[in-house]
Amino acid sequence: MAELRIRTARHTVRVAAPPKRVFQLITDAHRWPQVFDLVVSAEHLSFSGGTETVRLWELIDGQVQSYVSHREASAHRLQLRFRHDEAPEPITSMGGVWLVLPKGNGSLVALDHYYRVAGDDATAAECAGLAVEQSSVAMLTALREVAELDGDLDRLWVSGTDSVDIDGDAGDVYEFLARAHDWPQRLPHVHRLTVDEEVFDIQHLEAQIRLPNGSLHATSTVRVCFPEMRIVYKMTRPPAIMRAHTGTFTVAAHGHGVRATAHNTVLLHRERFTELLGEQSTVEDARAAVREVLRTISLSTLGRAKGFAEARRPTWVEGAA
């Protein structure tokens, strides 16, 4: 049987930012969900022999796809090689390389792909080539936009973790967090919400959220649910002050009960926070405002989950047989 043909594609972009800054964004998989619009979540699995293994969830044509990527970075060459364990049909295998080159006062980024198509079918190959082109252009465009943001990028990232201890069952806590369908009746900050769960445990949410100042914001969110363990999500249409907003709910045993935790990560939209918070506002003002809103909403949600789960605890009557 003849070996399938290896097909190649190269896409490039000029970036008005130093190569080191660009390369750090490429190699930091934990920040990919905030940098790249397509990436919903990234989970670090292992690091061995210079190779990092990461599971990524991506939103492609409205559908969430997951694959494991093996990545090997060379800081000296400003190069990141990758190989995917799985690939969406009709692609049977895929690998490639990110390469950052100094160019004038900025950088030139090249993204190469090498892949095979099932049966070497011409129609399938054309579809695969178009998909590779669309995703490559989208990722390079997003990389350029983030790398070219003014100032210290680290200050534009805002993260926070809030936890509540619950004297209840993990299944009840998870049920409250997973059944977003019921949130308009259960959470005061959810004004309106619709859920599309065509694929089980993959949820697409359209909502109107009331912020602590009383304003309403329309948001779109995709969530990936792992029963009774965690829910990862990404706002595909976040509030204007945020360029990206991702998060995780986790439920874990703690003492005689469980601990529910909400973790949020935001990349601030630098061009917008001054018009929203005032011309004299600073990055620190925006960080503080966003962190306070996220903390308020997270603790409200976790507090309602606590009340829901603890109300379901069995009531023991003294003296009952």
Protein backbone atom coordinates (compact mmCIF):
# COMPACT_ATOMS: atom_id res chain seq x y z
CA MET A 1 0.00 0.00 0.00
CA ALA A 2 1.43 3.37 -1.07
CA GLU A 3 2.29 5.81 1.71
CA LEU A 4 0.06 8.85 1.89
CA ARG A 5 1.46 12.04 0.45
CA ILE A 6 2.82 14.62 2.92
CA ARG A 7 1.24 17.98 2.23
CA THR A 8 2.76 21.23 3.45
CA ALA A 9 1.61 24.76 4.13
CA ARG A 10 3.40 27.88 5.30
CA HIS A 11 1.77 31.07 6.57
CA THR A 12 3.59 34.16 7.79
CA VAL A 13 2.93 37.47 9.48
CA ARG A 14 4.99 40.56 10.31
CA VAL A 15 4.78 41.60 13.95
CA ALA A 16 5.87 44.98 15.33
CA ALA A 17 7.22 43.44 18.54
CA PRO A 18 10.58 41.98 19.65
CA PRO A 19 11.15 38.28 18.73
CA LYS A 20 11.56 37.24 22.38
CA ARG A 21 8.16 38.70 23.31
CA VAL A 22 6.49 36.95 20.36
CA PHE A 23 8.20 33.63 21.10
CA GLN A 24 7.12 33.71 24.75
CA LEU A 25 3.47 33.99 23.65
CA ILE A 26 3.90 31.02 21.32
CA THR A 27 5.54 28.75 23.89
CA ASP A 28 3.29 29.59 26.87
CA ALA A 29 0.42 27.15 26.28
CA HIS A 30 -1.34 28.27 29.45
CA ARG A 31 -1.96 31.66 27.81
CA TRP A 32 -3.14 30.27 24.48
CA PRO A 33 -6.85 30.47 25.44
CA GLN A 34 -6.49 34.22 26.00
CA VAL A 35 -4.23 34.83 22.98
CA PHE A 36 -5.95 32.72 20.31
CA ASP A 37 -9.66 33.08 19.65
CA LEU A 38 -9.92 29.43 18.51
CA VAL A 39 -8.48 27.93 21.72
CA VAL A 40 -11.02 27.29 24.46
CA SER A 41 -8.75 25.62 27.00
CA ALA A 42 -5.25 24.17 27.41
CA GLU A 43 -4.28 21.48 29.93
CA HIS A 44 -0.64 20.67 30.63
CA LEU A 45 -0.24 16.87 30.77
CA SER A 46 3.49 16.22 31.10
CA PHE A 47 7.02 17.41 30.42
CA SER A 48 9.69 14.82 29.59
CA GLY A 49 12.99 14.95 27.73
CA GLY A 50 12.40 18.50 26.57
CA THR A 51 8.97 17.67 25.16
CA GLU A 52 5.85 19.24 26.65
CA THR A 53 2.54 17.43 26.19
CA VAL A 54 -0.61 19.56 26.18
CA ARG A 55 -4.27 18.80 25.55
CA LEU A 56 -6.02 21.59 23.68
CA TRP A 57 -9.70 22.24 23.08
CA GLU A 58 -10.49 24.40 20.04
CA LEU A 59 -13.68 25.89 18.66
CA ILE A 60 -13.79 25.11 14.92
CA ASP A 61 -16.88 26.03 12.89
CA GLY A 62 -18.93 26.18 16.09
CA GLN A 63 -17.80 22.71 17.23
CA VAL A 64 -15.38 21.96 20.08
CA GLN A 65 -12.54 19.64 19.07
CA SER A 66 -9.87 18.21 21.35
CA TYR A 67 -6.41 16.86 20.61
CA VAL A 68 -3.08 16.18 22.32
CA SER A 69 -0.08 18.14 21.10
CA HIS A 70 3.58 17.26 21.76
CA ARG A 71 5.69 20.44 21.69
CA GLU A 72 9.46 20.91 21.71
CA ALA A 73 10.79 24.44 22.04
CA SER A 74 14.23 25.77 21.16
CA ALA A 75 14.81 29.17 22.76
CA HIS A 76 18.12 29.48 20.89
CA ARG A 77 16.46 29.04 17.48
CA LEU A 78 13.19 30.75 18.52
CA GLN A 79 11.46 27.65 17.22
CA LEU A 80 8.63 25.47 18.50
CA ARG A 81 8.06 22.08 16.85
CA PHE A 82 4.74 20.29 17.41
CA ARG A 83 3.07 16.99 16.60
CA HIS A 84 -0.59 16.16 17.19
CA ASP A 85 -1.72 12.74 18.41
CA GLU A 86 -5.12 13.23 16.83
CA ALA A 87 -6.33 15.26 13.88
CA PRO A 88 -9.82 16.07 12.60
CA GLU A 89 -11.05 14.16 9.57
CA PRO A 90 -10.01 13.93 6.78
CA ILE A 91 -6.48 14.65 8.12
CA THR A 92 -4.80 11.48 9.37
CA SER A 93 -1.64 13.03 10.86
CA MET A 94 -0.31 16.53 11.47
CA GLY A 95 2.81 18.25 12.71
CA GLY A 96 4.60 21.49 12.13
CA VAL A 97 6.75 24.29 13.47
CA TRP A 98 6.47 27.87 14.68
CA LEU A 99 9.51 30.00 13.78
CA VAL A 100 10.24 33.58 14.88
CA LEU A 101 12.83 35.59 12.94
CA PRO A 102 14.15 39.10 13.70
CA LYS A 103 12.91 41.51 11.02
CA GLY A 104 13.92 45.15 11.25
CA ASN A 105 12.62 46.48 14.57
CA GLY A 106 10.12 43.62 14.85
CA SER A 107 9.62 40.00 13.92
CA LEU A 108 8.58 37.71 11.12
CA VAL A 109 6.59 34.68 12.29
CA ALA A 110 6.25 31.58 10.14
CA LEU A 111 3.78 28.79 10.91
CA ASP A 112 4.42 25.57 8.97
CA HIS A 113 2.13 22.53 8.81
CA TYR A 114 2.88 19.02 7.53
CA TYR A 115 -0.08 16.69 7.19
CA ARG A 116 -1.55 13.66 5.43
CA VAL A 117 -5.09 13.27 4.10
CA ALA A 118 -7.08 10.03 4.20
CA GLY A 119 -6.90 8.21 0.87
CA ASP A 120 -5.12 11.19 -0.73
CA ASP A 121 -8.59 12.21 -1.89
CA ALA A 122 -8.40 15.45 -3.89
CA THR A 123 -11.65 16.90 -2.57
CA ALA A 124 -10.77 16.04 1.01
CA ALA A 125 -7.31 17.51 0.54
CA GLU A 126 -8.79 20.78 -0.70
CA CYS A 127 -11.07 20.98 2.35
CA ALA A 128 -8.18 20.16 4.67
CA GLY A 129 -5.99 22.79 3.04
CA LEU A 130 -8.68 25.42 3.47
CA ALA A 131 -9.13 24.50 7.15
CA VAL A 132 -5.37 24.72 7.76
CA GLU A 133 -5.24 28.10 6.02
CA GLN A 134 -8.17 29.55 7.97
CA SER A 135 -6.87 28.41 11.37
CA SER A 136 -3.30 29.52 10.59
CA VAL A 137 -4.35 33.00 9.47
CA ALA A 138 -6.60 33.38 12.53
CA MET A 139 -3.84 32.32 14.94
CA LEU A 140 -1.17 34.51 13.35
CA THR A 141 -3.50 37.51 13.33
CA ALA A 142 -4.36 37.04 17.01
CA LEU A 143 -0.68 36.55 17.90
CA ARG A 144 0.23 39.82 16.16
CA GLU A 145 -2.56 41.75 17.89
CA VAL A 146 -1.57 40.59 21.37
CA ALA A 147 2.20 40.90 20.84
CA GLU A 148 1.78 44.49 19.62
CA LEU A 149 -0.15 45.63 22.70
CA ASP A 150 1.59 48.54 24.42
CA GLY A 151 3.44 48.17 27.69
CA ASP A 152 4.05 45.21 29.96
CA LEU A 153 1.88 42.33 28.76
CA ASP A 154 1.92 40.66 32.18
CA ARG A 155 0.01 43.63 33.65
CA LEU A 156 -2.78 43.14 31.09
CA TRP A 157 -3.40 39.60 32.34
CA VAL A 158 -5.67 39.43 35.39
CA SER A 159 -6.16 36.14 37.25
CA GLY A 160 -8.02 35.30 40.42
CA THR A 161 -9.14 32.27 42.40
CA ASP A 162 -12.08 32.16 44.80
CA SER A 163 -13.18 29.14 46.83
CA VAL A 164 -16.05 28.11 49.11
CA ASP A 165 -16.12 25.09 51.44
CA ILE A 166 -19.38 23.17 51.28
CA ASP A 167 -20.82 20.65 53.72
CA GLY A 168 -22.50 18.68 50.97
CA ASP A 169 -22.12 16.19 48.15
CA ALA A 170 -19.80 16.84 45.20
CA GLY A 171 -22.45 15.62 42.77
CA ASP A 172 -24.94 18.23 44.00
CA VAL A 173 -22.39 21.04 43.75
CA TYR A 174 -21.44 19.98 40.23
CA GLU A 175 -25.10 19.69 39.22
CA PHE A 176 -25.71 23.30 40.24
CA LEU A 177 -22.70 24.54 38.28
CA ALA A 178 -23.37 22.36 35.22
CA ARG A 179 -27.11 23.06 34.90
CA ALA A 180 -26.73 26.56 33.53
CA HIS A 181 -30.26 26.14 32.14
CA ASP A 182 -31.55 26.95 35.65
CA TRP A 183 -29.27 29.90 36.39
CA PRO A 184 -31.78 32.68 35.57
CA GLN A 185 -33.91 31.35 38.44
CA ARG A 186 -30.96 30.61 40.73
CA LEU A 187 -28.40 33.39 40.18
CA PRO A 188 -29.39 37.05 40.60
CA HIS A 189 -26.73 38.31 38.19
CA VAL A 190 -28.00 36.14 35.29
CA HIS A 191 -30.77 38.18 33.66
CA ARG A 192 -31.38 35.87 30.72
CA LEU A 193 -29.67 32.72 29.42
CA THR A 194 -30.14 30.08 26.72
CA VAL A 195 -28.14 26.84 26.46
CA ASP A 196 -27.39 24.78 23.37
CA GLU A 197 -26.03 21.34 24.31
CA GLU A 198 -26.29 19.45 21.03
CA VAL A 199 -23.18 17.46 22.03
CA PHE A 200 -23.43 16.14 25.58
CA ASP A 201 -21.22 18.06 28.05
CA ILE A 202 -20.37 20.71 25.44
CA GLN A 203 -22.45 23.79 26.17
CA HIS A 204 -22.90 26.99 24.18
CA LEU A 205 -24.38 29.77 26.33
CA GLU A 206 -25.95 33.06 25.29
CA ALA A 207 -26.61 35.29 28.28
CA GLN A 208 -27.30 38.74 29.61
CA ILE A 209 -25.28 39.29 32.77
CA ARG A 210 -26.05 42.04 35.27
CA LEU A 211 -22.84 43.51 36.69
CA PRO A 212 -22.61 44.86 40.26
CA ASN A 213 -23.15 48.42 38.95
CA GLY A 214 -26.50 47.34 37.47
CA SER A 215 -25.46 47.41 33.80
CA LEU A 216 -26.40 44.51 31.51
CA HIS A 217 -23.88 42.85 29.21
CA ALA A 218 -24.61 40.33 26.45
CA THR A 219 -22.10 37.47 26.47
CA SER A 220 -21.47 34.24 24.58
CA THR A 221 -19.66 31.35 26.26
CA VAL A 222 -18.58 27.83 25.36
CA ARG A 223 -18.17 25.31 28.20
CA VAL A 224 -16.63 21.84 28.34
CA CYS A 225 -17.94 19.79 31.27
CA PHE A 226 -16.16 16.96 33.07
CA PRO A 227 -18.85 15.38 35.31
CA GLU A 228 -18.46 16.00 39.04
CA MET A 229 -14.88 17.29 38.56
CA ARG A 230 -14.62 20.54 36.63
CA ILE A 231 -16.06 22.81 33.96
CA VAL A 232 -13.78 24.85 31.70
CA TYR A 233 -15.16 27.75 29.73
CA LYS A 234 -14.31 30.63 27.45
CA MET A 235 -16.32 33.73 26.69
CA THR A 236 -16.39 34.06 22.91
CA ARG A 237 -18.07 37.45 23.36
CA PRO A 238 -16.75 38.96 26.61
CA PRO A 239 -17.54 42.41 28.04
CA ALA A 240 -15.84 45.26 26.19
CA ILE A 241 -13.12 45.81 28.80
CA MET A 242 -11.82 42.28 28.18
CA ARG A 243 -10.05 41.01 25.09
CA ALA A 244 -10.48 37.48 26.44
CA HIS A 245 -12.00 35.80 29.48
CA THR A 246 -11.51 32.13 30.38
CA GLY A 247 -12.26 30.21 33.54
CA THR A 248 -12.66 26.95 35.39
CA PHE A 249 -15.02 25.63 38.05
CA THR A 250 -13.58 22.74 40.06
CA VAL A 251 -15.18 20.55 42.71
CA ALA A 252 -12.86 18.54 44.98
CA ALA A 253 -13.10 16.62 48.24
CA HIS A 254 -12.06 18.71 51.24
CA GLY A 255 -12.30 17.53 54.83
CA HIS A 256 -15.77 16.05 55.38
CA GLY A 257 -17.22 17.98 52.48
CA VAL A 258 -16.07 19.56 49.23
CA ARG A 259 -14.36 22.73 48.09
CA ALA A 260 -15.77 24.51 45.04
CA THR A 261 -13.37 26.85 43.28
CA ALA A 262 -13.78 29.41 40.52
CA HIS A 263 -10.64 30.46 38.66
CA ASN A 264 -10.78 33.33 36.16
CA THR A 265 -8.19 34.67 33.74
CA VAL A 266 -8.71 37.84 31.71
CA LEU A 267 -6.67 39.64 29.09
CA LEU A 268 -7.60 43.32 29.30
CA HIS A 269 -8.63 45.24 26.20
CA ARG A 270 -6.19 48.11 26.58
CA GLU A 271 -7.89 50.32 23.99
CA ARG A 272 -11.22 50.13 25.80
CA PHE A 273 -10.69 50.48 29.53
CA THR A 274 -9.96 54.21 29.45
CA GLU A 275 -13.25 54.98 27.71
CA LEU A 276 -15.09 52.70 30.13
CA LEU A 277 -13.35 53.76 33.34
CA GLY A 278 -12.34 57.32 32.45
CA GLU A 279 -9.50 59.03 30.61
CA GLN A 280 -7.33 59.15 33.73
CA SER A 281 -7.70 55.43 34.48
CA THR A 282 -4.58 53.27 34.57
CA VAL A 283 -3.87 49.60 33.98
CA GLU A 284 -3.92 49.13 37.76
CA ASP A 285 -7.38 50.72 37.92
CA ALA A 286 -8.64 48.33 35.25
CA ARG A 287 -7.05 45.32 36.96
CA ALA A 288 -8.67 46.21 40.28
CA ALA A 289 -12.10 46.85 38.72
CA VAL A 290 -12.12 43.60 36.74
CA ARG A 291 -10.85 41.55 39.66
CA GLU A 292 -13.55 42.93 41.95
CA VAL A 293 -16.33 42.16 39.46
CA LEU A 294 -15.05 38.62 38.88
CA ARG A 295 -14.70 38.01 42.60
CA THR A 296 -18.21 39.26 43.31
CA ILE A 297 -19.80 37.11 40.59
CA SER A 298 -17.71 34.04 41.45
CA LEU A 299 -18.50 34.16 45.17
CA SER A 300 -22.18 34.75 44.41
CA THR A 301 -22.27 31.67 42.16
CA LEU A 302 -20.32 29.49 44.59
CA GLY A 303 -22.43 30.71 47.51
CA ARG A 304 -25.64 29.72 45.72
CA ALA A 305 -24.08 26.34 44.88
CA LYS A 306 -23.27 25.91 48.57
CA GLY A 307 -26.85 26.65 49.58
CA PHE A 308 -28.20 24.27 46.94
CA ALA A 309 -25.93 21.36 47.94
CA GLU A 310 -26.29 21.80 51.70
CA ALA A 311 -30.09 21.93 51.42
CA ARG A 312 -29.95 18.48 49.85
CA ARG A 313 -28.08 16.91 52.77
CA PRO A 314 -30.06 14.16 54.53
CA THR A 315 -31.76 15.34 57.72
CA TRP A 316 -31.25 12.94 60.59
CA VAL A 317 -33.95 12.86 63.24
CA GLU A 318 -32.68 12.09 66.73
CA GLY A 319 -33.99 8.76 68.00
CA ALA A 320 -35.08 7.54 64.57
CA ALA A 321 -34.43 3.85 63.99
